[in-house]
Amino acid sequence: VVSTQSTGTFVMSLYFYVISMTTVGFGDITLIDHTVLALIRVLFVFCIGLVMVSLVFNAIRELAAAYQRRLLELSHSVVNKTLELAKSHKMKTLGSNAI
């Protein structure tokens, strides 16, 4: 199905599929069997690769968004605690001045 200068092996076939699925496509390995079935199989593998790559990017985007939300929650928490401490300190200061 695949060919380079040497005979196609399992490792070369696996390399072809990985390169095709990740949509890199270096062009160093090409199909020698241009039958309709072979072309449909390669197109199918390429489409699966597109889906997998987009799923990985989507997962990374979701992780980054969750991390950003968590950082925002923590920063709001720190701000609220700081404001509470400032108010309690101000109340103590005002209470001691009244006496």
N, C-alpha and C. Protein backbone atom coordinates (compact mmCIF):
# COMPACT_ATOMS: atom_id res chain seq x y z
N VAL A 1 0.83 -1.19 0.00
CA VAL A 1 0.00 0.00 0.00
C VAL A 1 0.87 1.25 0.00
N VAL A 2 1.92 1.27 0.81
CA VAL A 2 2.81 2.43 0.84
C VAL A 2 4.19 2.02 0.33
N SER A 3 4.92 3.00 -0.14
CA SER A 3 6.23 2.67 -0.68
C SER A 3 7.19 3.83 -0.50
N THR A 4 8.42 3.49 -0.19
CA THR A 4 9.53 4.44 -0.29
C THR A 4 10.51 3.81 -1.27
N GLN A 5 11.77 4.09 -1.14
CA GLN A 5 12.74 3.44 -2.02
C GLN A 5 12.86 1.95 -1.68
N SER A 6 12.65 1.59 -0.42
CA SER A 6 12.74 0.20 -0.01
C SER A 6 11.34 -0.40 0.07
N THR A 7 11.28 -1.68 0.40
CA THR A 7 10.00 -2.38 0.50
C THR A 7 9.21 -1.84 1.69
N GLY A 8 7.88 -1.68 1.50
CA GLY A 8 7.03 -1.20 2.58
C GLY A 8 6.97 -2.22 3.70
N THR A 9 7.16 -1.78 4.93
CA THR A 9 7.11 -2.66 6.08
C THR A 9 6.00 -2.21 7.01
N PHE A 10 5.78 -2.98 8.04
CA PHE A 10 4.77 -2.62 9.03
C PHE A 10 5.10 -1.28 9.68
N VAL A 11 6.36 -1.07 9.98
CA VAL A 11 6.78 0.18 10.63
C VAL A 11 6.53 1.37 9.70
N MET A 12 6.83 1.20 8.43
CA MET A 12 6.60 2.28 7.47
C MET A 12 5.10 2.54 7.31
N SER A 13 4.30 1.47 7.32
CA SER A 13 2.85 1.64 7.23
C SER A 13 2.32 2.36 8.45
N LEU A 14 2.81 1.96 9.61
CA LEU A 14 2.40 2.62 10.85
C LEU A 14 2.80 4.10 10.82
N TYR A 15 4.00 4.38 10.35
CA TYR A 15 4.47 5.75 10.21
C TYR A 15 3.55 6.54 9.28
N PHE A 16 3.17 5.94 8.15
CA PHE A 16 2.28 6.59 7.20
C PHE A 16 0.95 6.94 7.87
N TYR A 17 0.39 6.00 8.61
CA TYR A 17 -0.89 6.25 9.25
C TYR A 17 -0.79 7.32 10.34
N VAL A 18 0.26 7.29 11.13
CA VAL A 18 0.42 8.30 12.19
C VAL A 18 0.60 9.68 11.58
N ILE A 19 1.43 9.79 10.56
CA ILE A 19 1.65 11.07 9.90
C ILE A 19 0.36 11.56 9.25
N SER A 20 -0.40 10.65 8.65
CA SER A 20 -1.67 11.04 8.03
C SER A 20 -2.70 11.44 9.07
N MET A 21 -2.77 10.69 10.18
CA MET A 21 -3.77 10.98 11.20
C MET A 21 -3.50 12.29 11.92
N THR A 22 -2.24 12.63 12.06
CA THR A 22 -1.92 13.90 12.71
C THR A 22 -1.93 15.06 11.73
N THR A 23 -2.31 14.80 10.52
CA THR A 23 -2.45 15.77 9.43
C THR A 23 -1.14 16.50 9.10
N VAL A 24 -0.01 15.88 9.42
CA VAL A 24 1.27 16.51 9.09
C VAL A 24 1.57 16.30 7.62
N GLY A 25 1.58 15.04 7.17
CA GLY A 25 1.77 14.72 5.77
C GLY A 25 3.06 15.25 5.17
N PHE A 26 4.18 14.67 5.55
CA PHE A 26 5.48 15.14 5.06
C PHE A 26 5.65 14.93 3.56
N GLY A 27 4.99 13.93 2.99
CA GLY A 27 5.14 13.64 1.57
C GLY A 27 6.28 12.72 1.25
N ASP A 28 6.98 12.20 2.27
CA ASP A 28 8.09 11.29 2.02
C ASP A 28 7.62 9.88 1.70
N ILE A 29 6.37 9.55 2.03
CA ILE A 29 5.79 8.26 1.70
C ILE A 29 4.52 8.54 0.91
N THR A 30 4.38 7.89 -0.21
CA THR A 30 3.19 8.10 -1.04
C THR A 30 2.55 6.76 -1.36
N LEU A 31 1.29 6.81 -1.73
CA LEU A 31 0.58 5.61 -2.13
C LEU A 31 1.04 5.17 -3.51
N ILE A 32 1.26 3.87 -3.67
CA ILE A 32 1.54 3.35 -5.00
C ILE A 32 0.29 2.64 -5.54
N ASP A 33 -0.63 2.32 -4.63
CA ASP A 33 -1.86 1.65 -5.01
C ASP A 33 -2.96 2.71 -5.10
N HIS A 34 -3.23 3.20 -6.29
CA HIS A 34 -4.21 4.27 -6.45
C HIS A 34 -5.61 3.74 -6.74
N THR A 35 -5.95 2.63 -6.14
CA THR A 35 -7.30 2.11 -6.31
C THR A 35 -8.27 2.94 -5.50
N VAL A 36 -9.52 2.86 -5.84
CA VAL A 36 -10.55 3.63 -5.13
C VAL A 36 -10.60 3.23 -3.67
N LEU A 37 -10.48 1.93 -3.38
CA LEU A 37 -10.51 1.45 -2.00
C LEU A 37 -9.36 2.03 -1.18
N ALA A 38 -8.16 2.06 -1.76
CA ALA A 38 -7.00 2.61 -1.05
C ALA A 38 -7.18 4.10 -0.79
N LEU A 39 -7.67 4.82 -1.76
CA LEU A 39 -7.87 6.26 -1.58
C LEU A 39 -8.96 6.55 -0.55
N ILE A 40 -10.02 5.75 -0.53
CA ILE A 40 -11.08 5.93 0.47
C ILE A 40 -10.53 5.64 1.86
N ARG A 41 -9.69 4.59 1.97
CA ARG A 41 -9.11 4.26 3.27
C ARG A 41 -8.23 5.41 3.78
N VAL A 42 -7.41 5.96 2.91
CA VAL A 42 -6.54 7.08 3.31
C VAL A 42 -7.39 8.30 3.68
N LEU A 43 -8.42 8.57 2.91
CA LEU A 43 -9.31 9.69 3.23
C LEU A 43 -9.98 9.48 4.59
N PHE A 44 -10.40 8.25 4.85
CA PHE A 44 -11.02 7.92 6.13
C PHE A 44 -10.04 8.15 7.28
N VAL A 45 -8.81 7.67 7.12
CA VAL A 45 -7.78 7.86 8.16
C VAL A 45 -7.50 9.35 8.35
N PHE A 46 -7.44 10.10 7.27
CA PHE A 46 -7.20 11.53 7.36
C PHE A 46 -8.33 12.23 8.12
N CYS A 47 -9.58 11.86 7.84
CA CYS A 47 -10.72 12.46 8.55
C CYS A 47 -10.70 12.11 10.03
N ILE A 48 -10.37 10.87 10.35
CA ILE A 48 -10.24 10.49 11.77
C ILE A 48 -9.14 11.31 12.42
N GLY A 49 -8.05 11.52 11.70
CA GLY A 49 -6.96 12.34 12.24
C GLY A 49 -7.40 13.76 12.51
N LEU A 50 -8.19 14.34 11.61
CA LEU A 50 -8.70 15.70 11.83
C LEU A 50 -9.56 15.76 13.08
N VAL A 51 -10.42 14.75 13.24
CA VAL A 51 -11.29 14.71 14.43
C VAL A 51 -10.45 14.59 15.69
N MET A 52 -9.45 13.70 15.66
CA MET A 52 -8.62 13.50 16.86
C MET A 52 -7.82 14.75 17.21
N VAL A 53 -7.25 15.40 16.21
CA VAL A 53 -6.48 16.62 16.47
C VAL A 53 -7.38 17.70 17.05
N SER A 54 -8.59 17.86 16.50
CA SER A 54 -9.49 18.88 17.02
C SER A 54 -9.96 18.53 18.43
N LEU A 55 -10.14 17.25 18.74
CA LEU A 55 -10.50 16.85 20.10
C LEU A 55 -9.39 17.19 21.09
N VAL A 56 -8.15 16.96 20.69
CA VAL A 56 -7.03 17.28 21.57
C VAL A 56 -6.96 18.78 21.82
N PHE A 57 -7.09 19.58 20.75
CA PHE A 57 -7.05 21.03 20.93
C PHE A 57 -8.21 21.52 21.79
N ASN A 58 -9.38 20.93 21.61
CA ASN A 58 -10.53 21.31 22.42
C ASN A 58 -10.30 20.96 23.89
N ALA A 59 -9.72 19.80 24.16
CA ALA A 59 -9.43 19.40 25.54
C ALA A 59 -8.43 20.36 26.18
N ILE A 60 -7.42 20.75 25.43
CA ILE A 60 -6.43 21.71 25.95
C ILE A 60 -7.09 23.05 26.22
N ARG A 61 -7.98 23.49 25.33
CA ARG A 61 -8.68 24.75 25.53
C ARG A 61 -9.56 24.69 26.77
N GLU A 62 -10.25 23.57 26.98
CA GLU A 62 -11.10 23.44 28.16
C GLU A 62 -10.28 23.43 29.45
N LEU A 63 -9.13 22.77 29.43
CA LEU A 63 -8.25 22.79 30.60
C LEU A 63 -7.76 24.20 30.90
N ALA A 64 -7.39 24.93 29.87
CA ALA A 64 -6.92 26.30 30.07
C ALA A 64 -8.04 27.18 30.61
N ALA A 65 -9.27 27.00 30.11
CA ALA A 65 -10.40 27.78 30.60
C ALA A 65 -10.72 27.45 32.05
N ALA A 66 -10.66 26.17 32.41
CA ALA A 66 -10.91 25.77 33.79
C ALA A 66 -9.84 26.34 34.72
N TYR A 67 -8.59 26.31 34.28
CA TYR A 67 -7.49 26.88 35.07
C TYR A 67 -7.69 28.38 35.24
N GLN A 68 -8.11 29.06 34.19
CA GLN A 68 -8.35 30.50 34.27
C GLN A 68 -9.51 30.81 35.23
N ARG A 69 -10.59 30.01 35.15
CA ARG A 69 -11.71 30.21 36.08
C ARG A 69 -11.27 30.01 37.53
N ARG A 70 -10.46 28.98 37.77
CA ARG A 70 -9.99 28.70 39.13
C ARG A 70 -9.11 29.85 39.64
N LEU A 71 -8.25 30.38 38.80
CA LEU A 71 -7.43 31.52 39.20
C LEU A 71 -8.29 32.74 39.51
N LEU A 72 -9.34 32.95 38.72
CA LEU A 72 -10.25 34.07 38.97
C LEU A 72 -10.97 33.90 40.30
N GLU A 73 -11.43 32.68 40.59
CA GLU A 73 -12.09 32.41 41.87
C GLU A 73 -11.14 32.66 43.03
N LEU A 74 -9.90 32.21 42.90
CA LEU A 74 -8.92 32.43 43.97
C LEU A 74 -8.63 33.91 44.17
N SER A 75 -8.51 34.65 43.08
CA SER A 75 -8.22 36.08 43.22
C SER A 75 -9.40 36.80 43.87
N HIS A 76 -10.64 36.43 43.53
CA HIS A 76 -11.81 37.02 44.19
C HIS A 76 -11.83 36.68 45.67
N SER A 77 -11.46 35.47 45.99
CA SER A 77 -11.41 35.05 47.39
C SER A 77 -10.39 35.87 48.17
N VAL A 78 -9.22 36.07 47.58
CA VAL A 78 -8.18 36.86 48.25
C VAL A 78 -8.64 38.30 48.43
N VAL A 79 -9.26 38.88 47.42
CA VAL A 79 -9.75 40.25 47.51
C VAL A 79 -10.81 40.37 48.60
N ASN A 80 -11.75 39.44 48.64
CA ASN A 80 -12.81 39.49 49.65
C ASN A 80 -12.25 39.34 51.06
N LYS A 81 -11.30 38.44 51.27
CA LYS A 81 -10.69 38.29 52.59
C LYS A 81 -9.91 39.54 52.98
N THR A 82 -9.25 40.15 52.02
CA THR A 82 -8.50 41.37 52.31
C THR A 82 -9.46 42.49 52.71
N LEU A 83 -10.58 42.61 52.00
CA LEU A 83 -11.57 43.63 52.36
C LEU A 83 -12.16 43.38 53.74
N GLU A 84 -12.45 42.11 54.06
CA GLU A 84 -12.97 41.79 55.39
C GLU A 84 -11.97 42.15 56.48
N LEU A 85 -10.71 41.84 56.26
CA LEU A 85 -9.67 42.19 57.24
C LEU A 85 -9.54 43.70 57.38
N ALA A 86 -9.62 44.41 56.28
CA ALA A 86 -9.51 45.87 56.33
C ALA A 86 -10.70 46.46 57.08
N LYS A 87 -11.91 45.93 56.85
CA LYS A 87 -13.09 46.43 57.56
C LYS A 87 -13.01 46.14 59.05
N SER A 88 -12.58 44.92 59.40
CA SER A 88 -12.49 44.59 60.82
C SER A 88 -11.41 45.42 61.51
N HIS A 89 -10.31 45.69 60.82
CA HIS A 89 -9.27 46.53 61.39
C HIS A 89 -9.77 47.97 61.56
N LYS A 90 -10.53 48.45 60.59
CA LYS A 90 -11.09 49.80 60.67
C LYS A 90 -12.09 49.90 61.82
N MET A 91 -12.92 48.85 62.00
CA MET A 91 -13.88 48.84 63.11
C MET A 91 -13.18 48.85 64.44
N LYS A 92 -12.11 48.08 64.58
CA LYS A 92 -11.35 48.04 65.83
C LYS A 92 -10.72 49.40 66.11
N THR A 93 -10.21 50.03 65.04
CA THR A 93 -9.59 51.35 65.19
C THR A 93 -10.64 52.38 65.60
N LEU A 94 -11.81 52.34 64.98
CA LEU A 94 -12.86 53.29 65.33
C LEU A 94 -13.39 53.02 66.76
N GLY A 95 -13.48 51.76 67.14
CA GLY A 95 -13.95 51.42 68.48
C GLY A 95 -12.98 51.86 69.56
N SER A 96 -11.70 51.77 69.32
CA SER A 96 -10.71 52.17 70.31
C SER A 96 -10.64 53.71 70.41
N ASN A 97 -10.92 54.43 69.34
CA ASN A 97 -10.92 55.88 69.36
C ASN A 97 -12.13 56.42 70.12
N ALA A 98 -13.24 55.66 70.11
CA ALA A 98 -14.45 56.12 70.80
C ALA A 98 -14.31 56.05 72.31
N ILE A 99 -13.49 55.20 72.81
CA ILE A 99 -13.32 55.05 74.27
C ILE A 99 -12.39 56.03 74.80
